[in-house]
C-alpha cells in the first residue's frame, strides 16, 4: 500500500505561527506527545526535524519538505542539533 500524505483542506488559511525554534529552544511540550485542534505544518528553515505521530509516521522534515500535522493526532518532534523550525497553524476561512 502506498502512503498518501495528508493535505491541508483548501478552505484552511494560514493563521498564527510559533516563534522559530532551535534544538536548544524547542519547548518541552513539542518534544513529548501532544496534539493540535487545527491543521498545521512543520516548516524547517535549516537542518532537520524528525516528526513522529501515533499512526507510526516518522518523517524527517528538511528545508523545502514540510510535514502536514493532522488535527487531533498525537505527535512529537525531535530536532537535530542544527535545526531551525516553526509550526504554521491553519484556520477555516471566513465565508
PDB file of N, CA and C in Angstrom:
ATOM      1  N   UNK A   1       0.842  -1.173   0.000  1.00  0.00           N
ATOM      2  CA  UNK A   1       0.000   0.000   0.000  1.00  0.00           C
ATOM      3  C   UNK A   1       0.894   1.245   0.000  1.00  0.00           C
ATOM      4  N   UNK A   2       0.560   2.207  -0.815  1.00  0.00           N
ATOM      5  CA  UNK A   2       1.320   3.443  -0.919  1.00  0.00           C
ATOM      6  C   UNK A   2       0.782   4.466   0.069  1.00  0.00           C
ATOM      7  N   UNK A   3       1.679   5.105   0.795  1.00  0.00           N
ATOM      8  CA  UNK A   3       1.280   6.145   1.744  1.00  0.00           C
ATOM      9  C   UNK A   3       0.998   7.436   0.998  1.00  0.00           C
ATOM     10  N   UNK A   4      -0.163   8.009   1.250  1.00  0.00           N
ATOM     11  CA  UNK A   4      -0.526   9.301   0.670  1.00  0.00           C
ATOM     12  C   UNK A   4      -0.510  10.326   1.797  1.00  0.00           C
ATOM     13  N   UNK A   5       0.405  11.299   1.739  1.00  0.00           N
ATOM     14  CA  UNK A   5       0.463  12.278   2.828  1.00  0.00           C
ATOM     15  C   UNK A   5      -0.819  13.093   2.907  1.00  0.00           C
ATOM     16  N   UNK A   6      -1.233  13.441   4.124  1.00  0.00           N
ATOM     17  CA  UNK A   6      -2.439  14.256   4.271  1.00  0.00           C
ATOM     18  C   UNK A   6      -2.220  15.654   3.704  1.00  0.00           C
ATOM     19  N   UNK A   7      -3.304  16.254   3.266  1.00  0.00           N
ATOM     20  CA  UNK A   7      -3.235  17.618   2.725  1.00  0.00           C
ATOM     21  C   UNK A   7      -4.106  18.540   3.553  1.00  0.00           C
ATOM     22  N   UNK A   8      -3.643  19.739   3.734  1.00  0.00           N
ATOM     23  CA  UNK A   8      -4.429  20.749   4.440  1.00  0.00           C
ATOM     24  C   UNK A   8      -5.630  21.094   3.564  1.00  0.00           C
ATOM     25  N   UNK A   9      -6.841  21.123   4.136  1.00  0.00           N
ATOM     26  CA  UNK A   9      -8.036  21.416   3.338  1.00  0.00           C
ATOM     27  C   UNK A   9      -7.933  22.755   2.617  1.00  0.00           C
ATOM     28  N   UNK A  10      -8.519  22.822   1.442  1.00  0.00           N
ATOM     29  CA  UNK A  10      -8.480  24.044   0.626  1.00  0.00           C
ATOM     30  C   UNK A  10      -9.125  25.229   1.336  1.00  0.00           C
ATOM     31  N   UNK A  11     -10.082  24.970   2.232  1.00  0.00           N
ATOM     32  CA  UNK A  11     -10.775  26.051   2.935  1.00  0.00           C
ATOM     33  C   UNK A  11      -9.948  26.619   4.092  1.00  0.00           C
ATOM     34  N   UNK A  12      -8.826  26.017   4.396  1.00  0.00           N
ATOM     35  CA  UNK A  12      -7.993  26.485   5.509  1.00  0.00           C
ATOM     36  C   UNK A  12      -7.036  27.576   5.034  1.00  0.00           C
ATOM     37  N   UNK A  13      -6.820  28.556   5.887  1.00  0.00           N
ATOM     38  CA  UNK A  13      -5.897  29.653   5.576  1.00  0.00           C
ATOM     39  C   UNK A  13      -4.882  29.771   6.704  1.00  0.00           C
ATOM     40  N   UNK A  14      -3.662  30.246   6.392  1.00  0.00           N
ATOM     41  CA  UNK A  14      -2.663  30.393   7.448  1.00  0.00           C
ATOM     42  C   UNK A  14      -3.163  31.318   8.557  1.00  0.00           C
ATOM     43  N   UNK A  15      -2.950  30.894   9.784  1.00  0.00           N
ATOM     44  CA  UNK A  15      -3.295  31.695  10.956  1.00  0.00           C
ATOM     45  C   UNK A  15      -2.018  32.029  11.704  1.00  0.00           C
ATOM     46  N   UNK A  16      -2.022  31.797  12.985  1.00  0.00           N
ATOM     47  CA  UNK A  16      -0.833  32.115  13.789  1.00  0.00           C
ATOM     48  C   UNK A  16       0.268  31.095  13.523  1.00  0.00           C
ATOM     49  N   UNK A  17       1.466  31.474  13.900  1.00  0.00           N
ATOM     50  CA  UNK A  17       2.603  30.559  13.813  1.00  0.00           C
ATOM     51  C   UNK A  17       3.452  30.730  15.053  1.00  0.00           C
ATOM     52  N   UNK A  18       4.217  29.728  15.336  1.00  0.00           N
ATOM     53  CA  UNK A  18       5.091  29.804  16.507  1.00  0.00           C
ATOM     54  C   UNK A  18       6.306  30.660  16.194  1.00  0.00           C
ATOM     55  N   UNK A  19       7.079  30.909  17.222  1.00  0.00           N
ATOM     56  CA  UNK A  19       8.400  31.513  17.033  1.00  0.00           C
ATOM     57  C   UNK A  19       9.271  30.487  16.313  1.00  0.00           C
ATOM     58  N   UNK A  20      10.426  30.920  15.857  1.00  0.00           N
ATOM     59  CA  UNK A  20      11.384  29.986  15.264  1.00  0.00           C
ATOM     60  C   UNK A  20      12.175  29.354  16.402  1.00  0.00           C
ATOM     61  N   UNK A  21      12.248  28.022  16.385  1.00  0.00           N
ATOM     62  CA  UNK A  21      12.929  27.273  17.435  1.00  0.00           C
ATOM     63  C   UNK A  21      14.198  26.628  16.908  1.00  0.00           C
ATOM     64  N   UNK A  22      15.107  26.332  17.824  1.00  0.00           N
ATOM     65  CA  UNK A  22      16.306  25.547  17.547  1.00  0.00           C
ATOM     66  C   UNK A  22      16.255  24.321  18.459  1.00  0.00           C
ATOM     67  N   UNK A  23      17.262  23.467  18.357  1.00  0.00           N
ATOM     68  CA  UNK A  23      17.301  22.280  19.217  1.00  0.00           C
ATOM     69  C   UNK A  23      17.306  22.672  20.693  1.00  0.00           C
ATOM     70  N   UNK A  24      17.923  23.798  21.019  1.00  0.00           N
ATOM     71  CA  UNK A  24      18.012  24.196  22.429  1.00  0.00           C
ATOM     72  C   UNK A  24      16.842  25.060  22.900  1.00  0.00           C
ATOM     73  N   UNK A  25      16.076  25.637  21.975  1.00  0.00           N
ATOM     74  CA  UNK A  25      14.950  26.493  22.381  1.00  0.00           C
ATOM     75  C   UNK A  25      13.587  25.855  22.169  1.00  0.00           C
ATOM     76  N   UNK A  26      13.554  24.622  21.675  1.00  0.00           N
ATOM     77  CA  UNK A  26      12.274  23.935  21.453  1.00  0.00           C
ATOM     78  C   UNK A  26      11.569  23.742  22.789  1.00  0.00           C
ATOM     79  N   UNK A  27      10.310  24.181  22.896  1.00  0.00           N
ATOM     80  CA  UNK A  27       9.578  23.983  24.146  1.00  0.00           C
ATOM     81  C   UNK A  27       9.425  22.492  24.462  1.00  0.00           C
ATOM     82  N   UNK A  28       9.484  22.152  25.727  1.00  0.00           N
ATOM     83  CA  UNK A  28       9.379  20.756  26.159  1.00  0.00           C
ATOM     84  C   UNK A  28       8.094  20.107  25.660  1.00  0.00           C
ATOM     85  N   UNK A  29       7.022  20.876  25.570  1.00  0.00           N
ATOM     86  CA  UNK A  29       5.740  20.335  25.119  1.00  0.00           C
ATOM     87  C   UNK A  29       5.776  19.782  23.700  1.00  0.00           C
ATOM     88  N   UNK A  30       6.631  20.346  22.849  1.00  0.00           N
ATOM     89  CA  UNK A  30       6.734  19.846  21.473  1.00  0.00           C
ATOM     90  C   UNK A  30       7.555  18.562  21.406  1.00  0.00           C
ATOM     91  N   UNK A  31       8.379  18.332  22.406  1.00  0.00           N
ATOM     92  CA  UNK A  31       9.254  17.161  22.406  1.00  0.00           C
ATOM     93  C   UNK A  31       8.555  15.904  22.923  1.00  0.00           C
ATOM     94  N   UNK A  32       7.401  16.081  23.571  1.00  0.00           N
ATOM     95  CA  UNK A  32       6.637  14.913  24.036  1.00  0.00           C
ATOM     96  C   UNK A  32       5.292  14.884  23.310  1.00  0.00           C
ATOM     97  N   UNK A  33       4.630  13.745  23.355  1.00  0.00           N
ATOM     98  CA  UNK A  33       3.356  13.601  22.650  1.00  0.00           C
ATOM     99  C   UNK A  33       2.362  14.683  23.048  1.00  0.00           C
ATOM    100  N   UNK A  34       1.773  15.292  22.039  1.00  0.00           N
ATOM    101  CA  UNK A  34       0.739  16.309  22.227  1.00  0.00           C
ATOM    102  C   UNK A  34      -0.123  16.311  20.975  1.00  0.00           C
ATOM    103  N   UNK A  35      -1.146  17.132  20.943  1.00  0.00           N
ATOM    104  CA  UNK A  35      -1.979  17.235  19.745  1.00  0.00           C
ATOM    105  C   UNK A  35      -2.424  18.663  19.537  1.00  0.00           C
ATOM    106  N   UNK A  36      -2.862  18.946  18.322  1.00  0.00           N
ATOM    107  CA  UNK A  36      -3.402  20.266  17.996  1.00  0.00           C
ATOM    108  C   UNK A  36      -4.867  20.092  17.629  1.00  0.00           C
ATOM    109  N   UNK A  37      -5.635  21.140  17.760  1.00  0.00           N
ATOM    110  CA  UNK A  37      -7.050  21.104  17.407  1.00  0.00           C
ATOM    111  C   UNK A  37      -7.269  21.491  15.945  1.00  0.00           C
ATOM    112  N   UNK A  38      -6.233  22.019  15.305  1.00  0.00           N
ATOM    113  CA  UNK A  38      -6.352  22.508  13.928  1.00  0.00           C
ATOM    114  C   UNK A  38      -5.253  21.897  13.049  1.00  0.00           C
ATOM    115  N   UNK A  39      -5.389  22.061  11.754  1.00  0.00           N
ATOM    116  CA  UNK A  39      -4.349  21.638  10.824  1.00  0.00           C
ATOM    117  C   UNK A  39      -3.117  22.505  11.041  1.00  0.00           C
ATOM    118  N   UNK A  40      -1.945  21.945  10.791  1.00  0.00           N
ATOM    119  CA  UNK A  40      -0.704  22.699  10.954  1.00  0.00           C
ATOM    120  C   UNK A  40       0.361  22.117  10.035  1.00  0.00           C
ATOM    121  N   UNK A  41       1.450  22.858   9.876  1.00  0.00           N
ATOM    122  CA  UNK A  41       2.602  22.391   9.106  1.00  0.00           C
ATOM    123  C   UNK A  41       3.866  22.629   9.910  1.00  0.00           C
ATOM    124  N   UNK A  42       4.749  21.656   9.875  1.00  0.00           N
ATOM    125  CA  UNK A  42       6.081  21.787  10.435  1.00  0.00           C
ATOM    126  C   UNK A  42       6.964  22.324   9.317  1.00  0.00           C
ATOM    127  N   UNK A  43       7.543  23.498   9.515  1.00  0.00           N
ATOM    128  CA  UNK A  43       8.348  24.166   8.498  1.00  0.00           C
ATOM    129  C   UNK A  43       9.790  24.271   9.006  1.00  0.00           C
ATOM    130  N   UNK A  44      10.709  23.642   8.301  1.00  0.00           N
ATOM    131  CA  UNK A  44      12.111  23.639   8.707  1.00  0.00           C
ATOM    132  C   UNK A  44      12.882  24.645   7.851  1.00  0.00           C
ATOM    133  N   UNK A  45      13.615  25.529   8.512  1.00  0.00           N
ATOM    134  CA  UNK A  45      14.408  26.542   7.820  1.00  0.00           C
ATOM    135  C   UNK A  45      15.856  26.104   7.627  1.00  0.00           C
ATOM    136  N   UNK A  46      16.357  25.281   8.547  1.00  0.00           N
ATOM    137  CA  UNK A  46      17.730  24.776   8.474  1.00  0.00           C
ATOM    138  C   UNK A  46      17.803  23.454   9.222  1.00  0.00           C
ATOM    139  N   UNK A  47      18.735  22.612   8.816  1.00  0.00           N
ATOM    140  CA  UNK A  47      18.901  21.328   9.483  1.00  0.00           C
ATOM    141  C   UNK A  47      17.742  20.395   9.213  1.00  0.00           C
ATOM    142  N   UNK A  48      17.365  19.618  10.228  1.00  0.00           N
ATOM    143  CA  UNK A  48      16.261  18.672  10.063  1.00  0.00           C
ATOM    144  C   UNK A  48      15.543  18.460  11.385  1.00  0.00           C
ATOM    145  N   UNK A  49      14.289  18.023  11.271  1.00  0.00           N
ATOM    146  CA  UNK A  49      13.458  17.720  12.436  1.00  0.00           C
ATOM    147  C   UNK A  49      12.711  16.423  12.135  1.00  0.00           C
ATOM    148  N   UNK A  50      12.816  15.450  13.038  1.00  0.00           N
ATOM    149  CA  UNK A  50      12.064  14.211  12.896  1.00  0.00           C
ATOM    150  C   UNK A  50      10.680  14.439  13.478  1.00  0.00           C
ATOM    151  N   UNK A  51       9.650  14.136  12.681  1.00  0.00           N
ATOM    152  CA  UNK A  51       8.260  14.239  13.105  1.00  0.00           C
ATOM    153  C   UNK A  51       7.746  12.817  13.308  1.00  0.00           C
ATOM    154  N   UNK A  52       7.157  12.546  14.471  1.00  0.00           N
ATOM    155  CA  UNK A  52       6.646  11.210  14.792  1.00  0.00           C
ATOM    156  C   UNK A  52       5.203  11.355  15.258  1.00  0.00           C
ATOM    157  N   UNK A  53       4.273  10.576  14.641  1.00  0.00           N
ATOM    158  CA  UNK A  53       2.881  10.630  15.105  1.00  0.00           C
ATOM    159  C   UNK A  53       2.367   9.236  15.456  1.00  0.00           C
ATOM    160  N   UNK A  54       1.163   9.210  16.020  1.00  0.00           N
ATOM    161  CA  UNK A  54       0.595   7.958  16.524  1.00  0.00           C
ATOM    162  C   UNK A  54       0.258   6.953  15.439  1.00  0.00           C
ATOM    163  N   UNK A  55       0.237   7.382  14.204  1.00  0.00           N
ATOM    164  CA  UNK A  55      -0.013   6.437  13.114  1.00  0.00           C
ATOM    165  C   UNK A  55       1.290   5.782  12.672  1.00  0.00           C
ATOM    166  N   UNK A  56       2.340   6.016  13.437  1.00  0.00           N
ATOM    167  CA  UNK A  56       3.675   5.464  13.167  1.00  0.00           C
ATOM    168  C   UNK A  56       4.382   6.147  12.018  1.00  0.00           C
ATOM    169  N   UNK A  57       3.878   7.324  11.612  1.00  0.00           N
ATOM    170  CA  UNK A  57       4.619   8.089  10.607  1.00  0.00           C
ATOM    171  C   UNK A  57       5.864   8.640  11.265  1.00  0.00           C
ATOM    172  N   UNK A  58       6.977   8.451  10.628  1.00  0.00           N
ATOM    173  CA  UNK A  58       8.260   9.032  11.051  1.00  0.00           C
ATOM    174  C   UNK A  58       8.813   9.712   9.813  1.00  0.00           C
ATOM    175  N   UNK A  59       8.765  11.030   9.819  1.00  0.00           N
ATOM    176  CA  UNK A  59       9.166  11.789   8.641  1.00  0.00           C
ATOM    177  C   UNK A  59      10.251  12.781   9.039  1.00  0.00           C
ATOM    178  N   UNK A  60      11.313  12.795   8.276  1.00  0.00           N
ATOM    179  CA  UNK A  60      12.355  13.782   8.505  1.00  0.00           C
ATOM    180  C   UNK A  60      12.038  15.008   7.665  1.00  0.00           C
ATOM    181  N   UNK A  61      11.723  16.104   8.343  1.00  0.00           N
ATOM    182  CA  UNK A  61      11.428  17.366   7.667  1.00  0.00           C
ATOM    183  C   UNK A  61      12.739  18.131   7.492  1.00  0.00           C
ATOM    184  N   UNK A  62      12.905  18.695   6.304  1.00  0.00           N
ATOM    185  CA  UNK A  62      14.087  19.477   5.965  1.00  0.00           C
ATOM    186  C   UNK A  62      13.622  20.731   5.230  1.00  0.00           C
ATOM    187  N   UNK A  63      14.503  21.693   5.005  1.00  0.00           N
ATOM    188  CA  UNK A  63      14.080  22.863   4.231  1.00  0.00           C
ATOM    189  C   UNK A  63      13.480  22.416   2.891  1.00  0.00           C
ATOM    190  N   UNK A  64      12.298  22.891   2.593  1.00  0.00           N
ATOM    191  CA  UNK A  64      11.622  22.512   1.354  1.00  0.00           C
ATOM    192  C   UNK A  64      10.762  21.271   1.470  1.00  0.00           C
ATOM    193  N   UNK A  65      10.830  20.566   2.597  1.00  0.00           N
ATOM    194  CA  UNK A  65       9.995  19.371   2.806  1.00  0.00           C
ATOM    195  C   UNK A  65       9.194  19.562   4.088  1.00  0.00           C
ATOM    196  N   UNK A  66       8.018  20.173   3.943  1.00  0.00           N
ATOM    197  CA  UNK A  66       7.143  20.431   5.085  1.00  0.00           C
ATOM    198  C   UNK A  66       6.392  19.157   5.456  1.00  0.00           C
ATOM    199  N   UNK A  67       5.967  19.095   6.708  1.00  0.00           N
ATOM    200  CA  UNK A  67       5.178  17.963   7.182  1.00  0.00           C
ATOM    201  C   UNK A  67       3.820  18.488   7.631  1.00  0.00           C
ATOM    202  N   UNK A  68       2.748  17.897   7.101  1.00  0.00           N
ATOM    203  CA  UNK A  68       1.396  18.262   7.492  1.00  0.00           C
ATOM    204  C   UNK A  68       1.047  17.577   8.802  1.00  0.00           C
ATOM    205  N   UNK A  69       0.501  18.350   9.738  1.00  0.00           N
ATOM    206  CA  UNK A  69       0.100  17.836  11.043  1.00  0.00           C
ATOM    207  C   UNK A  69      -1.425  17.791  11.074  1.00  0.00           C
ATOM    208  N   UNK A  70      -1.954  16.583  11.234  1.00  0.00           N
ATOM    209  CA  UNK A  70      -3.398  16.354  11.213  1.00  0.00           C
ATOM    210  C   UNK A  70      -3.988  16.686  12.585  1.00  0.00           C
ATOM    211  N   UNK A  71      -5.121  17.399  12.612  1.00  0.00           N
ATOM    212  CA  UNK A  71      -5.739  17.736  13.903  1.00  0.00           C
ATOM    213  C   UNK A  71      -6.035  16.476  14.729  1.00  0.00           C
ATOM    214  N   UNK A  72      -5.908  16.621  16.028  1.00  0.00           N
ATOM    215  CA  UNK A  72      -6.241  15.575  16.994  1.00  0.00           C
ATOM    216  C   UNK A  72      -5.474  14.270  16.774  1.00  0.00           C
ATOM    217  N   UNK A  73      -4.255  14.375  16.254  1.00  0.00           N
ATOM    218  CA  UNK A  73      -3.365  13.220  16.108  1.00  0.00           C
ATOM    219  C   UNK A  73      -2.157  13.461  17.002  1.00  0.00           C
ATOM    220  N   UNK A  74      -1.948  12.575  17.970  1.00  0.00           N
ATOM    221  CA  UNK A  74      -0.814  12.739  18.895  1.00  0.00           C
ATOM    222  C   UNK A  74       0.491  12.656  18.124  1.00  0.00           C
ATOM    223  N   UNK A  75       1.413  13.560  18.453  1.00  0.00           N
ATOM    224  CA  UNK A  75       2.695  13.613  17.748  1.00  0.00           C
ATOM    225  C   UNK A  75       3.734  14.320  18.612  1.00  0.00           C
ATOM    226  N   UNK A  76       4.977  14.222  18.195  1.00  0.00           N
ATOM    227  CA  UNK A  76       6.058  14.987  18.816  1.00  0.00           C
ATOM    228  C   UNK A  76       7.148  15.210  17.782  1.00  0.00           C
ATOM    229  N   UNK A  77       8.086  16.089  18.101  1.00  0.00           N
ATOM    230  CA  UNK A  77       9.203  16.371  17.192  1.00  0.00           C
ATOM    231  C   UNK A  77      10.521  16.085  17.898  1.00  0.00           C
ATOM    232  N   UNK A  78      11.527  15.767  17.078  1.00  0.00           N
ATOM    233  CA  UNK A  78      12.883  15.520  17.564  1.00  0.00           C
ATOM    234  C   UNK A  78      13.833  16.325  16.678  1.00  0.00           C
ATOM    235  N   UNK A  79      14.153  17.565  17.074  1.00  0.00           N
ATOM    236  CA  UNK A  79      15.025  18.401  16.238  1.00  0.00           C
ATOM    237  C   UNK A  79      16.482  17.952  16.296  1.00  0.00           C
ATOM    238  N   UNK A  80      17.142  18.014  15.146  1.00  0.00           N
ATOM    239  CA  UNK A  80      18.586  17.759  15.094  1.00  0.00           C
ATOM    240  C   UNK A  80      19.303  18.958  15.704  1.00  0.00           C
ATOM    241  N   UNK A  81      20.560  18.788  16.033  1.00  0.00           N
ATOM    242  CA  UNK A  81      21.338  19.857  16.663  1.00  0.00           C
ATOM    243  C   UNK A  81      21.369  21.141  15.836  1.00  0.00           C
ATOM    244  N   UNK A  82      21.295  21.006  14.498  1.00  0.00           N
ATOM    245  CA  UNK A  82      21.378  22.175  13.611  1.00  0.00           C
ATOM    246  C   UNK A  82      20.012  22.687  13.152  1.00  0.00           C
ATOM    247  N   UNK A  83      18.941  22.213  13.775  1.00  0.00           N
ATOM    248  CA  UNK A  83      17.584  22.555  13.330  1.00  0.00           C
ATOM    249  C   UNK A  83      17.181  23.983  13.667  1.00  0.00           C
ATOM    250  N   UNK A  84      16.446  24.584  12.737  1.00  0.00           N
ATOM    251  CA  UNK A  84      15.712  25.838  12.940  1.00  0.00           C
ATOM    252  C   UNK A  84      14.365  25.607  12.289  1.00  0.00           C
ATOM    253  N   UNK A  85      13.273  25.770  13.058  1.00  0.00           N
ATOM    254  CA  UNK A  85      11.951  25.447  12.524  1.00  0.00           C
ATOM    255  C   UNK A  85      10.858  26.223  13.252  1.00  0.00           C
ATOM    256  N   UNK A  86       9.661  26.196  12.645  1.00  0.00           N
ATOM    257  CA  UNK A  86       8.475  26.747  13.294  1.00  0.00           C
ATOM    258  C   UNK A  86       7.278  25.915  12.892  1.00  0.00           C
ATOM    259  N   UNK A  87       6.158  26.161  13.556  1.00  0.00           N
ATOM    260  CA  UNK A  87       4.903  25.480  13.228  1.00  0.00           C
ATOM    261  C   UNK A  87       3.922  26.537  12.754  1.00  0.00           C
ATOM    262  N   UNK A  88       3.372  26.305  11.556  1.00  0.00           N
ATOM    263  CA  UNK A  88       2.358  27.191  10.977  1.00  0.00           C
ATOM    264  C   UNK A  88       0.998  26.550  11.212  1.00  0.00           C
ATOM    265  N   UNK A  89       0.095  27.257  11.880  1.00  0.00           N
ATOM    266  CA  UNK A  89      -1.257  26.751  12.128  1.00  0.00           C
ATOM    267  C   UNK A  89      -2.208  27.316  11.076  1.00  0.00           C
ATOM    268  N   UNK A  90      -3.288  26.583  10.819  1.00  0.00           N
ATOM    269  CA  UNK A  90      -4.279  26.990   9.828  1.00  0.00           C
ATOM    270  C   UNK A  90      -5.651  27.091  10.482  1.00  0.00           C
ATOM    271  N   UNK A  91      -6.462  27.970   9.952  1.00  0.00           N
ATOM    272  CA  UNK A  91      -7.831  28.128  10.440  1.00  0.00           C
ATOM    273  C   UNK A  91      -8.762  28.135   9.240  1.00  0.00           C
ATOM    274  N   UNK A  92     -10.038  27.928   9.503  1.00  0.00           N
ATOM    275  CA  UNK A  92     -11.012  27.928   8.409  1.00  0.00           C
ATOM    276  C   UNK A  92     -11.250  29.357   7.938  1.00  0.00           C
ATOM    277  N   UNK A  93     -11.309  29.531   6.629  1.00  0.00           N
ATOM    278  CA  UNK A  93     -11.538  30.856   6.054  1.00  0.00           C
ATOM    279  C   UNK A  93     -12.962  31.310   6.370  1.00  0.00           C
ATOM    280  N   UNK A  94     -13.116  32.586   6.620  1.00  0.00           N
ATOM    281  CA  UNK A  94     -14.453  33.161   6.830  1.00  0.00           C
ATOM    282  C   UNK A  94     -15.163  33.180   5.484  1.00  0.00           C
ATOM    283  N   UNK A  95     -16.427  32.881   5.502  1.00  0.00           N
ATOM    284  CA  UNK A  95     -17.189  32.876   4.238  1.00  0.00           C
ATOM    285  C   UNK A  95     -18.195  33.992   4.232  1.00  0.00           C
TER     286      UNK A  95
END
